[in-house]
Protein backbone atom coordinates (compact mmCIF):
# COMPACT_ATOMS: atom_id res chain seq x y z
CA MET A 1 17.84 7.89 -8.93
CA MET A 2 16.07 6.04 -6.33
CA ARG A 3 17.49 6.26 -2.95
CA GLN A 4 17.29 3.72 0.27
CA SER A 5 14.84 5.12 2.66
CA SER A 6 16.91 4.87 5.86
CA ALA A 7 13.84 6.05 8.41
CA VAL A 8 11.96 3.20 8.26
CA CYS A 9 12.49 -0.40 8.09
CA GLY A 10 11.09 -2.50 4.41
CA ASP A 11 7.76 -3.10 5.83
CA GLY A 12 7.08 0.83 6.10
CA THR A 13 7.65 0.73 10.15
CA ARG A 14 10.18 2.25 11.87
CA PHE A 15 12.84 0.50 13.61
CA VAL A 16 11.45 0.57 17.05
CA GLU A 17 8.40 -1.12 16.11
CA HIS A 18 10.49 -4.34 15.03
CA ALA A 19 10.00 -4.86 18.75
CA GLN A 20 6.47 -6.58 18.12
CA LEU A 21 7.79 -8.96 15.39
CA PHE A 22 10.94 -9.60 17.24
CA HIS A 23 8.65 -10.57 19.79
CA SER A 24 6.47 -12.70 17.80
CA ALA A 25 9.04 -14.37 16.16
CA LEU A 26 11.11 -15.33 18.72
CA PHE A 27 8.27 -17.78 20.65
CA SER A 28 7.43 -19.21 16.69
CA ALA A 29 8.50 -22.72 15.66
CA ARG A 30 10.07 -21.34 12.91
CA PHE A 31 12.31 -19.09 14.80
CA TRP A 32 13.62 -22.35 16.86
CA GLN A 33 13.94 -24.15 13.65
CA HIS A 34 16.50 -21.94 12.32
CA VAL A 35 18.25 -22.25 15.38
CA GLY A 36 18.40 -26.13 15.21
CA LEU A 37 19.25 -25.97 11.69
CA LEU A 38 22.50 -23.57 12.43
CA GLY A 39 23.68 -26.00 15.03
CA ALA A 40 23.24 -28.91 12.82
CA LEU A 41 25.15 -26.98 10.01
CA LEU A 42 28.30 -25.71 11.98
CA SER A 43 28.31 -29.63 13.24
CA ALA A 44 28.21 -30.50 9.83
CA ILE A 45 31.45 -28.38 8.69
CA ARG A 46 32.80 -29.44 12.02
CA GLY A 47 32.58 -25.99 13.31
CA PRO A 48 33.38 -25.56 17.41
CA ALA A 49 30.70 -26.58 19.50
CA VAL A 50 28.76 -23.51 20.29
CA PRO A 51 26.19 -23.80 23.20
CA ARG A 52 22.67 -23.36 22.61
CA SER A 53 21.99 -19.89 24.35
CA LEU A 54 24.71 -18.31 21.54
CA LEU A 55 22.73 -19.52 18.77
CA VAL A 56 19.38 -18.20 20.03
CA LEU A 57 20.92 -14.67 20.84
CA PHE A 58 22.76 -14.82 16.83
CA VAL A 59 19.13 -15.96 15.74
CA ALA A 60 17.78 -13.18 17.46
CA ALA A 61 20.22 -10.79 16.87
CA MET A 62 18.85 -11.02 12.96
CA LEU A 63 15.43 -10.51 13.53
CA PRO A 64 15.16 -6.75 13.54
CA LEU A 65 17.22 -6.79 10.35
CA GLY A 66 14.92 -9.33 8.39
CA GLY A 67 12.31 -6.68 7.34
CA CYS A 68 14.72 -3.95 6.89
CA MET A 69 16.47 -2.34 4.15
CA GLN A 70 14.11 -3.84 1.37
CA ALA A 71 12.16 -0.90 0.58
CA THR A 72 13.64 2.00 -1.66
CA LEU A 73 12.07 4.98 -1.99
CA SER A 74 10.42 5.61 -5.60
CA PRO A 75 11.35 9.20 -6.58
CA SER A 76 8.29 11.73 -7.04
CA THR A 77 8.37 12.56 -10.60
CA ASP A 78 6.11 14.43 -13.16
CA ALA A 79 7.09 12.22 -15.08
CA SER A 80 3.50 10.84 -16.29
CA MET A 81 1.69 14.39 -15.52
CA THR A 82 0.11 16.02 -18.65
CA PRO A 83 0.57 20.04 -19.03
CA ARG A 84 -3.18 20.13 -17.61
CA ASP A 85 -2.06 18.27 -14.62
CA ARG A 86 1.00 20.73 -13.74
CA GLN A 87 -1.34 23.69 -14.20
CA LEU A 88 -4.53 22.41 -12.15
CA LEU A 89 -1.72 21.18 -9.34
CA ALA A 90 0.08 24.48 -9.05
CA HIS A 91 -3.61 25.94 -7.85
CA THR A 92 -5.02 23.67 -5.63
CA PRO A 93 -7.57 25.33 -2.86
CA TYR A 94 -5.65 22.85 -0.34
CA ALA A 95 -2.58 22.73 1.51
CA GLN A 96 0.29 20.50 0.88
CA ALA A 97 0.22 17.63 3.15
CA ASN A 98 2.93 16.29 5.24
CA VAL A 99 2.46 12.50 4.47
CA PRO A 100 4.32 10.07 6.56
CA GLU A 101 7.24 8.60 4.99
CA GLN A 102 6.13 4.97 5.11
CA TYR A 103 2.80 6.08 3.40
CA LEU A 104 5.23 7.64 -0.09
CA ARG A 105 5.75 5.22 -2.94
CA HIS A 106 7.84 2.62 -2.49
CA ILE A 107 9.59 0.34 -4.38
CA VAL A 108 9.42 -3.60 -2.11
CA ASP A 109 9.45 -6.88 -2.07
CA TYR A 110 6.28 -8.80 -2.84
CA ARG A 111 5.57 -12.51 -1.66
CA ARG A 112 2.28 -12.97 -2.85
CA LYS A 113 0.66 -15.21 -5.63
CA GLU A 114 -0.74 -11.73 -7.80
CA GLN A 115 0.20 -11.85 -11.60
CA PRO A 116 2.35 -8.91 -12.53
CA GLY A 117 -0.51 -6.11 -13.55
CA THR A 118 -2.54 -6.48 -10.82
CA ILE A 119 -3.51 -4.23 -8.31
CA LEU A 120 -3.83 -5.43 -4.71
CA VAL A 121 -5.30 -2.97 -1.47
CA ASP A 122 -4.08 -4.32 2.33
CA THR A 123 -7.16 -2.32 3.78
CA ASP A 124 -5.89 -2.91 7.51
CA ALA A 125 -2.36 -1.58 6.85
CA ARG A 126 -3.95 1.32 4.35
CA TYR A 127 -1.25 0.34 1.21
CA LEU A 128 -1.88 -0.18 -2.36
CA TYR A 129 0.49 -2.42 -4.00
CA TYR A 130 0.86 -2.37 -8.20
CA VAL A 131 2.63 -5.93 -8.89
CA LEU A 132 5.67 -5.93 -10.92
CA PRO A 133 7.71 -9.01 -12.42
CA ASP A 134 10.47 -10.56 -10.58
CA GLY A 135 8.83 -10.30 -7.11
CA LYS A 136 8.75 -6.52 -6.95
CA ALA A 137 5.76 -4.28 -6.39
CA ILE A 138 4.93 -0.66 -6.02
CA ARG A 139 4.04 0.40 -2.34
CA TYR A 140 1.20 3.49 -2.32
CA GLY A 141 0.00 4.86 0.84
CA VAL A 142 -3.55 5.36 0.39
CA ALA A 143 -6.45 6.41 2.80
CA VAL A 144 -9.56 3.30 2.81
CA GLY A 145 -13.34 3.48 3.39
CA GLU A 146 -14.45 2.96 7.19
CA GLU A 147 -15.36 -0.55 8.10
CA ALA A 148 -19.04 -0.63 7.30
CA MET A 149 -18.16 1.16 3.86
CA ALA A 150 -15.60 -0.37 2.52
CA PHE A 151 -15.37 -2.92 -0.80
CA SER A 152 -13.57 -5.87 -0.47
CA GLY A 153 -13.36 -8.92 -2.60
CA VAL A 154 -12.21 -9.49 -6.43
CA ALA A 155 -13.06 -6.39 -9.25
CA ARG A 156 -11.34 -5.54 -12.46
CA VAL A 157 -10.87 -2.07 -13.67
CA GLY A 158 -13.84 -1.05 -15.86
CA ARG A 159 -13.35 2.19 -16.28
CA LEU A 160 -10.51 4.64 -16.60
CA ALA A 161 -10.84 8.66 -16.69
CA GLU A 162 -8.73 11.66 -15.86
CA TRP A 163 -9.69 14.29 -13.70
CA PRO A 164 -13.47 13.03 -13.55
CA ASP A 165 -16.39 14.33 -12.91
CA TRP A 166 -17.91 13.61 -9.53
CA VAL A 167 -21.17 12.36 -9.21
CA PRO A 168 -22.26 11.51 -5.53
CA THR A 169 -24.35 8.93 -4.95
CA ALA A 170 -28.14 8.90 -3.03
CA ASP A 171 -26.25 7.75 0.24
CA ILE A 172 -23.51 10.49 0.30
CA GLN A 173 -26.00 13.14 -0.55
CA ALA A 174 -28.38 11.58 2.38
CA ARG A 175 -25.46 11.39 4.95
CA LEU A 176 -23.23 14.59 4.13
CA GLY A 177 -25.08 16.54 1.53
CA PRO A 178 -26.37 18.65 0.12
CA TYR A 179 -23.88 18.68 -2.54
CA PRO A 180 -24.74 19.51 -6.56
CA ALA A 181 -25.97 16.80 -8.74
CA ARG A 182 -22.65 17.30 -10.97
CA VAL A 183 -19.52 18.33 -9.50
CA PRO A 184 -16.58 19.04 -12.19
CA GLY A 185 -13.45 17.53 -12.55
CA GLY A 186 -10.48 19.82 -11.22
CA PRO A 187 -8.57 20.01 -7.83
CA ALA A 188 -11.45 21.02 -5.52
CA ASN A 189 -13.35 18.07 -6.72
CA PRO A 190 -13.24 14.60 -4.44
CA LEU A 191 -12.36 12.07 -6.91
CA GLY A 192 -9.04 14.23 -7.51
CA ALA A 193 -6.58 14.08 -10.45
CA ARG A 194 -7.77 10.08 -11.55
CA GLY A 195 -9.99 7.69 -11.26
CA ILE A 196 -10.31 3.77 -11.59
CA TYR A 197 -13.87 2.26 -11.76
CA LEU A 198 -14.06 -0.99 -10.42
CA TYR A 199 -16.47 -3.16 -11.78
CA VAL A 200 -17.61 -7.06 -11.20
CA GLY A 201 -18.72 -8.75 -14.29
CA ASN A 202 -20.39 -5.49 -16.29
CA LYS A 203 -21.52 -3.95 -13.15
CA ASP A 204 -20.13 -0.78 -11.85
CA THR A 205 -19.25 -0.93 -8.41
CA LEU A 206 -19.72 2.43 -7.62
CA TYR A 207 -16.44 2.19 -5.90
CA ARG A 208 -13.40 3.66 -6.92
CA ILE A 209 -9.51 4.22 -6.69
CA HIS A 210 -9.26 7.61 -7.08
CA GLY A 211 -7.14 10.98 -6.29
CA THR A 212 -8.47 13.64 -3.09
CA ASN A 213 -8.47 17.16 -2.40
CA GLN A 214 -7.29 16.14 1.34
CA PRO A 215 -3.80 14.58 1.14
CA GLU A 216 -4.00 14.80 5.06
CA TYR A 217 -6.12 11.46 5.55
CA ILE A 218 -3.34 9.18 3.66
CA GLY A 219 -2.78 6.45 5.93
CA GLN A 220 -5.95 6.66 7.66
CA ALA A 221 -10.12 5.20 7.40
CA ILE A 222 -11.77 7.93 6.67
CA SER A 223 -13.62 7.66 3.20
CA SER A 224 -16.95 6.92 2.32
CA GLY A 225 -15.79 3.19 1.38
CA CYS A 226 -13.29 4.46 -2.17
CA ILE A 227 -9.59 4.00 -1.78
CA ARG A 228 -8.19 7.80 -1.90
CA MET A 229 -4.17 8.41 -3.14
CA ARG A 230 -2.69 11.29 -3.25
CA ASN A 231 -2.60 12.79 -6.84
CA GLU A 232 0.84 12.20 -7.62
CA ASP A 233 0.51 8.83 -7.03
CA VAL A 234 -2.91 8.05 -8.93
CA ILE A 235 -1.39 9.94 -11.40
CA ASP A 236 1.79 7.45 -11.47
CA LEU A 237 -0.72 4.30 -10.68
CA TYR A 238 -3.10 5.40 -13.53
CA ASP A 239 -0.20 5.75 -16.27
CA ARG A 240 0.65 1.86 -15.92
CA VAL A 241 -2.76 0.16 -15.50
CA LYS A 242 -4.51 -0.95 -17.82
CA LEU A 243 -8.63 -1.71 -18.65
CA GLY A 244 -9.64 -5.32 -17.47
CA SER A 245 -6.74 -5.15 -14.73
CA THR A 246 -7.57 -7.45 -11.55
CA VAL A 247 -8.04 -5.59 -8.56
CA VAL A 248 -8.08 -7.36 -5.03
CA VAL A 249 -9.12 -5.29 -1.75
CA LEU A 250 -8.41 -7.16 1.16
CA PRO A 251 -11.19 -7.12 4.01
CA PRO A 252 -10.24 -5.75 7.50
CA GLY A 253 -9.10 -8.82 9.13
CA GLN A 254 -6.60 -10.62 6.49
CA SER A 255 -3.88 -7.89 6.05
CA ALA A 256 -1.48 -8.95 3.18
CA GLN A 257 1.23 -8.53 6.59
CA ALA A 258 -0.47 -10.92 8.40
CA GLU A 259 0.42 -13.36 6.13
CA THR A 260 4.14 -13.30 6.14
CA GLY A 261 4.08 -14.12 9.63
CA GLY A 262 3.88 -10.59 11.37
CA ARG A 263 4.50 -7.05 9.47
CA TRP A 264 4.97 -7.03 6.12
CA ARG A 265 8.19 -7.40 4.99
CA GLY A 266 8.26 -4.85 2.01
C-alpha cells in the first residue's frame, strides 16, 4: 500500500520552505482576487459583513496548505526486478545512500499538458516525471548534468537496455579518463541497471536516462550531461516506458515548478 508522506509537502519541500510560496502568493494579483471572491460570496449568501483584514488572514492561512498533502510516497518495490537484478543489486560495490525523502519516488498531481506515457525532466528541480492518466504522474529524484553539458529539448526513446555496457565518449575520455574502451554492464558500471537512450529523429543524442553507481548524488547537478536515477527507480521507469515515447527535458531556468506560480505543487 502507498502511504501519505508526512515529512514533506506535496511539492517535495518541507513545511518551512513554504514561507517562500507564502510570501510570493501574498503579493500576487491572484491572492487578492481570492480575497475579493470570498467577500462577494459571503455577501451573496447574505452572510455577516466580514472586515477585509479578516478575509486576508483567512485566505493567507490557507496558502501553506495548498501545496501540502498532495504527494503520496510510492513504496519501494522489487516487483519489476528480474532474478539477475536481485543478484547484482545484492552485491553492489558502493554504499547505500540515504537519499532525501523529496527525491524518493512519489505519486503527484500533474498539471502540465504532456500526454500519459511522456517523460519530463525538470532540470532545475532535479525531478523526472512519468506522466500517468487523470492528472497524475510518478515523480522520481534524479541527478542531472552540469549546465554546460546538459541536454535539453524534445527527444524520443530510441533504445532500451538492461544492465548496458558503457562506452565512454571521446569527450569523457579526454576530461575524465582514461577508461577502458568498453565497460561491461554490472553494478560497478556508471550506467547502472537500465539505459534509456534519447534520440532526435534517427540520431542518437549520446544522452541517456540511466541508473547509477553513485546514488549519493541524486538531487544534484553533477553528471556529464546524462540523467541518473537510483537503480530501483530506473528499473521501475524502464518497466513502464515504451520505444518511441516522448522525452521532454526542460533547460535550466524553465522549471515546471515556475509555471505554476511558485514551487511545483506535487
